[in-house]
Protein backbone atom coordinates (compact mmCIF):
# COMPACT_ATOMS: atom_id res chain seq x y z
CA MET A 1 16.81 -50.26 14.79
CA ALA A 2 13.17 -49.86 16.35
CA GLY A 3 13.24 -46.16 15.26
CA SER A 4 14.23 -47.18 11.56
CA ALA A 5 11.43 -49.81 11.37
CA GLY A 6 8.97 -47.16 12.46
CA GLU A 7 10.18 -44.71 9.67
CA VAL A 8 10.09 -47.53 7.29
CA ILE A 9 6.29 -48.60 8.15
CA LYS A 10 5.32 -44.72 8.01
CA SER A 11 6.66 -44.39 4.59
CA LEU A 12 4.94 -47.56 3.51
CA VAL A 13 1.56 -46.57 4.68
CA VAL A 14 2.28 -42.88 3.16
CA ASN A 15 3.14 -44.46 -0.30
CA LEU A 16 0.16 -47.03 -0.41
CA VAL A 17 -2.27 -44.03 -0.14
CA ILE A 18 -0.33 -41.91 -2.44
CA ALA A 19 0.12 -44.55 -5.21
CA SER A 20 -3.59 -45.50 -5.18
CA SER A 21 -4.39 -41.80 -5.59
CA LYS A 22 -1.96 -41.22 -8.36
CA GLY A 23 -3.25 -44.22 -10.28
CA VAL A 24 -6.81 -42.70 -10.44
CA ALA A 25 -5.10 -39.49 -11.52
CA ALA A 26 -3.13 -41.22 -14.22
CA ALA A 27 -6.19 -43.05 -15.46
CA ILE A 28 -8.10 -39.89 -15.58
CA THR A 29 -5.56 -37.61 -17.37
CA GLY A 30 -3.64 -40.04 -19.44
CA SER A 31 -0.56 -38.26 -18.19
CA GLY A 32 2.83 -40.21 -18.68
CA ALA A 33 4.47 -38.17 -15.79
CA MET A 34 1.53 -39.35 -13.48
CA LEU A 35 1.96 -42.94 -14.72
CA ALA A 36 5.54 -42.83 -13.87
CA GLU A 37 4.96 -41.26 -10.42
CA THR A 38 2.13 -44.00 -9.85
CA LEU A 39 4.68 -46.81 -10.70
CA HIS A 40 7.30 -45.11 -8.60
CA SER A 41 5.03 -45.08 -5.59
CA PHE A 42 4.16 -48.70 -5.97
CA ALA A 43 7.66 -49.53 -6.45
CA ASP A 44 8.47 -47.74 -3.26
CA CYS A 45 5.80 -49.85 -1.40
CA GLY A 46 7.65 -52.93 -2.34
CA ASN A 47 11.16 -51.35 -1.47
CA GLN A 48 9.77 -50.77 1.96
CA LEU A 49 8.53 -54.23 2.41
CA LEU A 50 12.11 -55.42 1.42
CA LEU A 51 13.69 -52.95 4.07
CA LEU A 52 11.44 -54.30 6.66
CA ARG A 53 12.41 -57.99 5.79
CA GLY A 54 15.90 -56.66 6.15
CA ILE A 55 15.51 -55.35 9.50
CA LYS A 56 13.89 -58.67 10.77
CA GLN A 57 16.63 -60.75 9.02
CA SER A 58 19.47 -58.78 10.57
CA GLN A 59 18.10 -59.06 14.16
CA LYS A 60 18.44 -63.03 13.96
CA PRO A 61 20.96 -64.09 16.74
CA PRO A 62 24.30 -65.47 15.71
CA ASP A 63 24.46 -69.31 15.10
CA ALA A 64 27.18 -71.83 14.09
CA GLN A 65 26.82 -70.99 10.33
CA HIS A 66 27.06 -67.13 11.08
CA PRO A 67 29.05 -66.59 14.28
CA LEU A 68 29.15 -62.79 13.88
CA GLY A 69 25.23 -62.55 13.36
CA TYR A 70 23.13 -61.49 10.38
CA GLY A 71 23.46 -57.73 10.62
CA ARG A 72 24.79 -57.35 6.81
CA ASN A 73 21.35 -58.67 5.77
CA MET A 74 20.24 -55.09 6.03
CA TYR A 75 22.95 -53.92 3.58
CA PHE A 76 21.99 -56.69 1.24
CA TYR A 77 18.38 -55.77 1.27
CA SER A 78 19.34 -52.03 0.96
CA PHE A 79 21.45 -52.67 -2.08
CA ILE A 80 18.44 -54.70 -3.73
CA VAL A 81 15.99 -51.55 -3.15
CA ALA A 82 18.79 -49.46 -4.85
CA LEU A 83 18.81 -51.77 -7.92
CA LEU A 84 14.94 -51.85 -8.09
CA LEU A 85 14.73 -48.06 -7.61
CA PHE A 86 17.18 -47.75 -10.48
CA SER A 87 15.59 -50.29 -12.89
CA GLY A 88 11.95 -50.45 -11.80
CA GLY A 89 11.42 -46.70 -11.03
CA GLY A 90 14.05 -44.61 -12.97
CA VAL A 91 14.92 -46.66 -16.08
CA PHE A 92 11.22 -47.31 -16.73
CA SER A 93 10.20 -43.58 -16.35
CA ILE A 94 12.89 -42.53 -18.91
CA TYR A 95 11.77 -45.09 -21.16
CA GLU A 96 7.89 -43.95 -20.75
CA GLY A 97 9.08 -40.35 -21.28
CA ILE A 98 10.92 -41.18 -24.52
CA HIS A 99 8.05 -43.07 -25.88
CA LYS A 100 5.55 -40.27 -25.05
CA LEU A 101 8.21 -37.68 -26.64
CA GLN A 102 8.05 -39.75 -29.57
CA HIS A 103 4.25 -39.83 -29.53
CA PRO A 104 2.93 -36.97 -27.76
CA GLU A 105 -0.68 -37.09 -26.47
CA PRO A 106 -2.62 -34.15 -24.89
CA VAL A 107 -3.61 -34.63 -21.29
CA GLY A 108 -7.01 -34.61 -20.18
CA ASP A 109 -8.64 -32.95 -17.34
CA ILE A 110 -5.84 -32.04 -14.53
CA GLY A 111 -7.93 -30.70 -11.80
CA ILE A 112 -8.17 -34.04 -9.88
CA ALA A 113 -4.45 -34.53 -10.74
CA ILE A 114 -3.27 -31.36 -9.30
CA GLY A 115 -5.29 -31.97 -6.19
CA ILE A 116 -3.72 -35.38 -5.75
CA LEU A 117 -0.14 -34.31 -6.47
CA LEU A 118 -0.59 -31.47 -3.88
CA PHE A 119 -1.90 -34.02 -1.43
CA ALA A 120 0.96 -36.34 -2.02
CA ILE A 121 3.50 -33.53 -1.82
CA VAL A 122 2.08 -32.84 1.68
CA LEU A 123 2.08 -36.56 2.69
CA GLU A 124 5.70 -37.16 1.26
CA SER A 125 7.19 -33.95 2.81
CA TRP A 126 5.87 -34.97 6.20
CA ALA A 127 7.31 -38.50 5.66
CA THR A 128 10.79 -36.78 4.77
CA LEU A 129 10.53 -34.51 7.45
CA GLY A 130 10.29 -37.33 9.78
CA ASN A 131 13.34 -38.98 8.15
CA ILE A 132 15.37 -35.84 8.71
CA LYS A 133 14.30 -35.68 12.22
CA VAL A 134 15.53 -39.16 13.11
CA MET A 135 18.67 -38.67 11.24
CA ASN A 136 19.38 -35.33 13.02
CA ALA A 137 18.89 -37.07 16.40
CA ARG A 138 21.61 -39.80 15.30
CA ARG A 139 24.20 -37.45 13.46
CA GLY A 140 25.05 -35.20 16.40
CA SER A 141 27.20 -32.57 15.39
CA VAL A 142 28.10 -34.24 12.00
CA PRO A 143 27.22 -32.07 8.93
CA PHE A 144 24.09 -33.59 7.12
CA LEU A 145 25.56 -34.49 3.84
CA ARG A 146 28.67 -35.75 5.51
CA TYR A 147 26.31 -38.18 7.70
CA LEU A 148 24.66 -39.44 4.55
CA LYS A 149 27.94 -40.40 3.15
CA GLU A 150 29.27 -41.80 6.34
CA THR A 151 26.30 -43.36 8.25
CA LYS A 152 26.22 -47.10 8.70
CA ASP A 153 22.31 -47.02 9.04
CA SER A 154 21.72 -47.95 5.46
CA ASP A 155 17.86 -48.56 6.09
CA LEU A 156 17.29 -44.84 7.20
CA VAL A 157 19.28 -43.39 4.14
CA VAL A 158 17.38 -45.44 1.73
CA VAL A 159 14.14 -44.40 2.93
CA PHE A 160 15.07 -40.82 3.07
CA GLY A 161 16.49 -41.14 -0.48
CA GLU A 162 13.16 -42.66 -1.77
CA ASN A 163 11.19 -40.01 -0.14
CA SER A 164 13.08 -36.99 -0.99
CA ALA A 165 13.13 -38.36 -4.53
CA ALA A 166 9.37 -38.71 -4.34
CA VAL A 167 8.87 -35.10 -3.41
CA LEU A 168 11.30 -33.86 -6.21
CA GLY A 169 9.34 -36.24 -8.61
CA LEU A 170 6.15 -34.91 -7.41
CA VAL A 171 7.07 -31.19 -8.08
CA PHE A 172 8.35 -32.12 -11.54
CA ALA A 173 4.94 -34.10 -12.38
CA LEU A 174 3.03 -31.06 -11.20
CA ILE A 175 4.96 -28.63 -13.36
CA ALA A 176 4.85 -30.96 -16.32
CA ILE A 177 1.09 -31.72 -16.62
CA GLY A 178 0.43 -27.90 -15.76
CA LEU A 179 2.79 -27.01 -19.06
CA ALA A 180 1.33 -29.77 -21.04
CA LYS A 181 -2.06 -28.52 -20.39
CA ALA A 182 -1.59 -24.73 -20.74
CA THR A 183 0.35 -25.23 -24.00
CA GLY A 184 -1.68 -28.27 -25.45
CA ASP A 185 1.80 -29.69 -25.90
CA GLY A 186 2.23 -33.22 -24.76
CA ARG A 187 5.80 -33.19 -24.96
CA PHE A 188 6.08 -31.22 -21.53
CA ASP A 189 4.45 -34.26 -19.74
CA ALA A 190 6.99 -36.47 -21.49
CA ALA A 191 9.88 -34.26 -20.44
CA GLY A 192 8.32 -34.45 -16.92
CA SER A 193 8.51 -38.35 -16.96
CA ILE A 194 12.05 -38.08 -18.06
CA ALA A 195 13.03 -35.71 -15.34
CA ILE A 196 11.51 -37.96 -12.59
CA GLY A 197 13.50 -40.88 -14.20
CA ILE A 198 16.70 -39.12 -13.93
CA VAL A 199 16.00 -38.19 -10.25
CA LEU A 200 15.53 -41.69 -9.58
CA VAL A 201 18.40 -43.13 -11.30
CA GLY A 202 20.69 -40.47 -9.58
CA VAL A 203 19.34 -41.31 -6.18
CA ALA A 204 19.82 -45.02 -6.93
CA VAL A 205 23.32 -44.80 -8.04
CA PHE A 206 24.11 -42.74 -4.78
CA LEU A 207 22.30 -45.33 -2.61
CA GLY A 208 23.95 -48.38 -4.59
CA ARG A 209 27.59 -46.87 -4.09
CA GLU A 210 27.19 -46.09 -0.32
CA VAL A 211 25.35 -49.42 0.60
CA LYS A 212 28.02 -51.36 -1.62
CA SER A 213 30.74 -50.19 0.33
CA LEU A 214 28.98 -51.42 3.78
CA LEU A 215 28.12 -54.75 1.95
CA VAL A 216 31.89 -55.38 1.09
CA GLY A 217 32.85 -54.55 4.50
CA GLU A 218 33.36 -51.04 5.50
CA ALA A 219 35.40 -50.00 8.62
CA GLY A 220 33.32 -48.75 11.70
CA ASP A 221 33.55 -45.28 13.15
CA ASP A 222 37.39 -45.68 13.73
CA VAL A 223 37.85 -42.04 15.05
CA ALA A 224 35.55 -42.29 17.71
CA LEU A 225 36.23 -45.82 18.59
CA GLN A 226 40.05 -45.32 18.62
CA ALA A 227 39.71 -42.31 20.87
CA GLU A 228 37.65 -44.33 23.08
CA VAL A 229 39.99 -47.01 23.22
CA LYS A 230 43.06 -44.85 23.83
CA VAL A 231 41.27 -43.44 26.86
CA LEU A 232 40.65 -46.87 28.19
CA VAL A 233 44.58 -47.92 27.70
CA ALA A 234 45.45 -44.87 29.64
CA GLU A 235 43.09 -45.78 32.26
CA THR A 236 44.55 -49.37 32.44
CA PRO A 237 47.75 -49.47 34.37
CA GLU A 238 48.86 -53.06 33.15
CA ILE A 239 48.63 -51.93 29.25
CA GLU A 240 51.43 -49.82 27.91
CA ALA A 241 50.15 -49.09 24.60
CA MET A 242 47.65 -49.89 21.72
CA LEU A 243 49.71 -51.06 18.80
CA ARG A 244 46.99 -51.51 16.10
CA MET A 245 43.13 -51.63 15.82
CA LEU A 246 40.89 -53.04 13.05
CA SER A 247 36.97 -52.42 12.99
CA ILE A 248 34.34 -53.69 10.55
CA GLN A 249 30.90 -52.54 10.44
CA GLN A 250 28.92 -56.01 10.66
CA GLY A 251 25.39 -54.28 10.62
CA PRO A 252 23.63 -51.32 11.83
CA GLY A 253 24.74 -50.66 15.33
CA GLU A 254 27.14 -53.75 15.26
CA VAL A 255 30.78 -53.62 15.15
CA VAL A 256 33.60 -56.18 15.19
CA VAL A 257 36.77 -54.80 16.84
CA ALA A 258 40.46 -56.58 16.76
CA MET A 259 43.43 -54.96 18.35
CA LYS A 260 46.93 -55.58 19.42
CA LEU A 261 47.64 -54.14 22.86
CA LYS A 262 51.25 -53.91 24.48
CA PHE A 263 51.21 -55.21 28.03
CA LYS A 264 53.82 -54.12 30.84
CA ALA A 265 56.60 -56.92 31.50
CA GLY A 266 56.11 -59.17 34.38
CA LEU A 267 52.29 -59.87 34.11
CA SER A 268 51.10 -63.55 34.57
CA GLY A 269 49.16 -65.12 31.99
CA GLU A 270 46.33 -65.54 34.23
CA ARG A 271 46.50 -61.74 35.20
CA MET A 272 46.73 -60.63 31.62
CA ILE A 273 43.48 -62.63 30.83
CA GLU A 274 41.72 -60.84 33.65
CA VAL A 275 42.91 -57.43 32.08
CA ILE A 276 41.76 -58.31 28.65
CA ASN A 277 38.24 -59.64 29.97
CA ASP A 278 37.91 -56.29 32.04
CA PHE A 279 39.23 -54.15 29.06
CA GLU A 280 36.58 -55.69 26.67
CA GLN A 281 33.66 -55.28 29.08
CA ARG A 282 34.48 -51.65 29.49
CA LEU A 283 34.93 -50.86 25.85
CA GLN A 284 31.62 -52.70 25.18
CA SER A 285 30.03 -50.63 27.90
CA ARG A 286 31.15 -47.18 26.69
CA VAL A 287 30.55 -48.31 23.09
CA PRO A 288 27.46 -50.41 22.96
CA ALA A 289 27.79 -50.69 19.00
CA VAL A 290 30.89 -52.98 19.67
CA ARG A 291 29.48 -56.21 19.85
CA TRP A 292 32.41 -58.32 19.32
CA SER A 293 36.06 -57.59 20.56
CA PHE A 294 39.35 -59.65 19.91
CA VAL A 295 42.37 -58.49 21.89
CA GLU A 296 45.86 -60.06 21.05
CA PRO A 297 48.95 -59.38 23.42
CA ASP A 298 52.09 -58.35 21.64
CA ILE A 299 55.23 -56.40 22.04
CA ALA A 300 55.36 -54.90 18.56
CA ASP A 301 53.09 -54.16 15.58
C-alpha cells in the first residue's frame, strides 16, 4: 500500500504543475482543447486527493462496527474518482467541444501552448511509466491487460488510467490546436476537446466497471489460494480433504477465507482445534493477503 500512496503523491505533484501550465496556455490561446485539458488536470488533482484519503481510511484497524476492517474504503473512493472522471472531466470536455463546434473561434498564439503541452507530455509519460513499473513488479507473469482487469489494487489502476488518459488527451490537444492554427478553422480545436472527452469517458467507464465488482464483493485470487490450501492439506496428516472454499477481497491485500475441511476419524475435539489453529497460521504465513480465515470441520460439502 505504501508503494501505491507514493505513486498517487507523485501523480498529484505532476498534475498540479501541469494544470497550472495548461491554464496559462488556455488563457493565452483561447483554445477549448486546452481549457478541457486544464480542467482535466485540476480534476485529476482532486481525484488523487480522494485516493490518498481512501488509502488512509482503508488502513484503519478493525473495530466493533467493522470487524473485518475498512479495506473496502479504497474501492469506494476509487469508484467516486471514476464517477468524477466521467462527469467532471469527460462529459464537460465533450460539452465544451460541442459548444466550440457550434461557435468556432480561431486560436491565438500557440507557441507557448505547444511548449507547455510537450512539457506536460514528458511529465505525464514519466508518471505513467512509474505506474507501469510498479504494476509490472506486482503482476509477475500475468499479462498486463489481464492484470488490469483482475487486480485488486484499485488505486494503482485508477492512477494508471488517469495518467494514460492524460497522455493521450495531451496528444489530441497538441494535434487539435496545431490543425486549428494551420487551417484557421476553430472546429479542429473543438474536435480535439470532444476527442479528449471521449477518452476520459471511456477510461471512466472501464474503471467504474472494474471497481464496482470489487465494491460489491469480488472473490480473492482463488486459483492461487486454492492451490496453496491444497498443498497445506496434503502436508497435514489429520486432514483428508478440502470440501469447499470461499474467499472475498476485503480490500487491497486483504482477503477473507472460509472453508470446509474433512478431518480423519477419531480426532478429539481438542486435537482438531489445535490442527485448525496451526493450519490457519501456516496459511496466513504462506499467503499474507489472507487476513481472516474461518475453518469449519465437516464430513461432506
